[in-house]
Amino acid sequence: MKKNNKITIGKTRSALYKSAKILGDFNAVKRGTIGRRLTYRLTGKISARILSKLIRTISKIFKLN
């Protein structure tokens, strides 16, 4: 199989988001607020996982009935 090495919108968008994340980290270190940034990032990941599980559970309930 051939690999698709084309530059797509999704790949470009992903690269831009990753670079913005790194630049935000540098900026937080510069301002001395890296602890706050890490806390926000962790709470965001945890809340997203909880919300995802909740939505999956609700959708399963409604599909069964």
C-alpha atoms as a PDB file:
ATOM      1  CA  MET A   1       0.000   0.000   0.000  1.00  0.00           C
ATOM      2  CA  LYS A   2       1.088   3.532  -0.683  1.00  0.00           C
ATOM      3  CA  LYS A   3       1.375   6.045   2.080  1.00  0.00           C
ATOM      4  CA  ASN A   4      -0.498   9.271   1.538  1.00  0.00           C
ATOM      5  CA  ASN A   5       2.151  11.969   2.001  1.00  0.00           C
ATOM      6  CA  LYS A   6      -0.040  14.836   0.857  1.00  0.00           C
ATOM      7  CA  ILE A   7      -0.398  17.890   3.012  1.00  0.00           C
ATOM      8  CA  THR A   8      -4.004  17.987   4.095  1.00  0.00           C
ATOM      9  CA  ILE A   9      -6.024  20.506   6.044  1.00  0.00           C
ATOM     10  CA  GLY A  10      -6.182  18.102   8.990  1.00  0.00           C
ATOM     11  CA  LYS A  11      -2.413  17.651   9.116  1.00  0.00           C
ATOM     12  CA  THR A  12      -1.857  21.397   8.857  1.00  0.00           C
ATOM     13  CA  ARG A  13      -4.400  22.096  11.577  1.00  0.00           C
ATOM     14  CA  SER A  14      -2.851  19.480  13.845  1.00  0.00           C
ATOM     15  CA  ALA A  15       0.624  20.949  13.382  1.00  0.00           C
ATOM     16  CA  LEU A  16      -0.652  24.452  14.145  1.00  0.00           C
ATOM     17  CA  TYR A  17      -2.380  23.312  17.341  1.00  0.00           C
ATOM     18  CA  LYS A  18       0.747  21.466  18.500  1.00  0.00           C
ATOM     19  CA  SER A  19       2.942  24.493  17.852  1.00  0.00           C
ATOM     20  CA  ALA A  20       0.459  26.744  19.699  1.00  0.00           C
ATOM     21  CA  LYS A  21       0.542  24.371  22.657  1.00  0.00           C
ATOM     22  CA  ILE A  22       4.357  24.490  22.783  1.00  0.00           C
ATOM     23  CA  LEU A  23       4.396  28.284  22.441  1.00  0.00           C
ATOM     24  CA  GLY A  24       1.866  28.537  25.259  1.00  0.00           C
ATOM     25  CA  ASP A  25       4.111  26.398  27.447  1.00  0.00           C
ATOM     26  CA  PHE A  26       7.098  28.664  26.740  1.00  0.00           C
ATOM     27  CA  ASN A  27       5.013  31.722  27.501  1.00  0.00           C
ATOM     28  CA  ALA A  28       3.802  30.221  30.799  1.00  0.00           C
ATOM     29  CA  VAL A  29       7.382  29.444  31.838  1.00  0.00           C
ATOM     30  CA  LYS A  30       8.391  32.993  30.953  1.00  0.00           C
ATOM     31  CA  ARG A  31       5.564  34.471  33.050  1.00  0.00           C
ATOM     32  CA  GLY A  32       6.050  31.982  35.880  1.00  0.00           C
ATOM     33  CA  THR A  33       2.552  30.484  35.593  1.00  0.00           C
ATOM     34  CA  ILE A  34       3.480  26.981  34.454  1.00  0.00           C
ATOM     35  CA  GLY A  35       1.864  25.392  37.522  1.00  0.00           C
ATOM     36  CA  ARG A  36      -1.460  27.008  36.744  1.00  0.00           C
ATOM     37  CA  ARG A  37      -1.211  25.957  33.093  1.00  0.00           C
ATOM     38  CA  LEU A  38      -0.509  22.328  34.009  1.00  0.00           C
ATOM     39  CA  THR A  39      -3.404  22.340  36.481  1.00  0.00           C
ATOM     40  CA  TYR A  40      -5.793  23.678  33.847  1.00  0.00           C
ATOM     41  CA  ARG A  41      -4.568  21.139  31.309  1.00  0.00           C
ATOM     42  CA  LEU A  42      -5.012  18.197  33.702  1.00  0.00           C
ATOM     43  CA  THR A  43      -8.461  19.276  34.872  1.00  0.00           C
ATOM     44  CA  GLY A  44      -9.517  19.713  31.243  1.00  0.00           C
ATOM     45  CA  LYS A  45      -8.402  16.190  30.336  1.00  0.00           C
ATOM     46  CA  ILE A  46     -10.094  14.658  33.378  1.00  0.00           C
ATOM     47  CA  SER A  47     -13.376  16.493  32.831  1.00  0.00           C
ATOM     48  CA  ALA A  48     -13.379  15.560  29.130  1.00  0.00           C
ATOM     49  CA  ARG A  49     -12.955  11.875  29.992  1.00  0.00           C
ATOM     50  CA  ILE A  50     -15.737  11.975  32.579  1.00  0.00           C
ATOM     51  CA  LEU A  51     -18.072  13.781  30.184  1.00  0.00           C
ATOM     52  CA  SER A  52     -17.253  11.306  27.403  1.00  0.00           C
ATOM     53  CA  LYS A  53     -18.073   8.319  29.625  1.00  0.00           C
ATOM     54  CA  LEU A  54     -21.301   9.976  30.750  1.00  0.00           C
ATOM     55  CA  ILE A  55     -22.412  10.637  27.188  1.00  0.00           C
ATOM     56  CA  ARG A  56     -21.572   7.060  26.140  1.00  0.00           C
ATOM     57  CA  THR A  57     -23.587   5.682  29.056  1.00  0.00           C
ATOM     58  CA  ILE A  58     -26.574   7.884  28.267  1.00  0.00           C
ATOM     59  CA  SER A  59     -26.492   6.957  24.584  1.00  0.00           C
ATOM     60  CA  LYS A  60     -26.395   3.250  25.456  1.00  0.00           C
ATOM     61  CA  ILE A  61     -29.428   3.655  27.719  1.00  0.00           C
ATOM     62  CA  PHE A  62     -31.487   5.327  25.022  1.00  0.00           C
ATOM     63  CA  LYS A  63     -30.449   2.814  22.351  1.00  0.00           C
ATOM     64  CA  LEU A  64     -31.637  -0.109  24.501  1.00  0.00           C
ATOM     65  CA  ASN A  65     -35.116   1.291  25.193  1.00  0.00           C
END
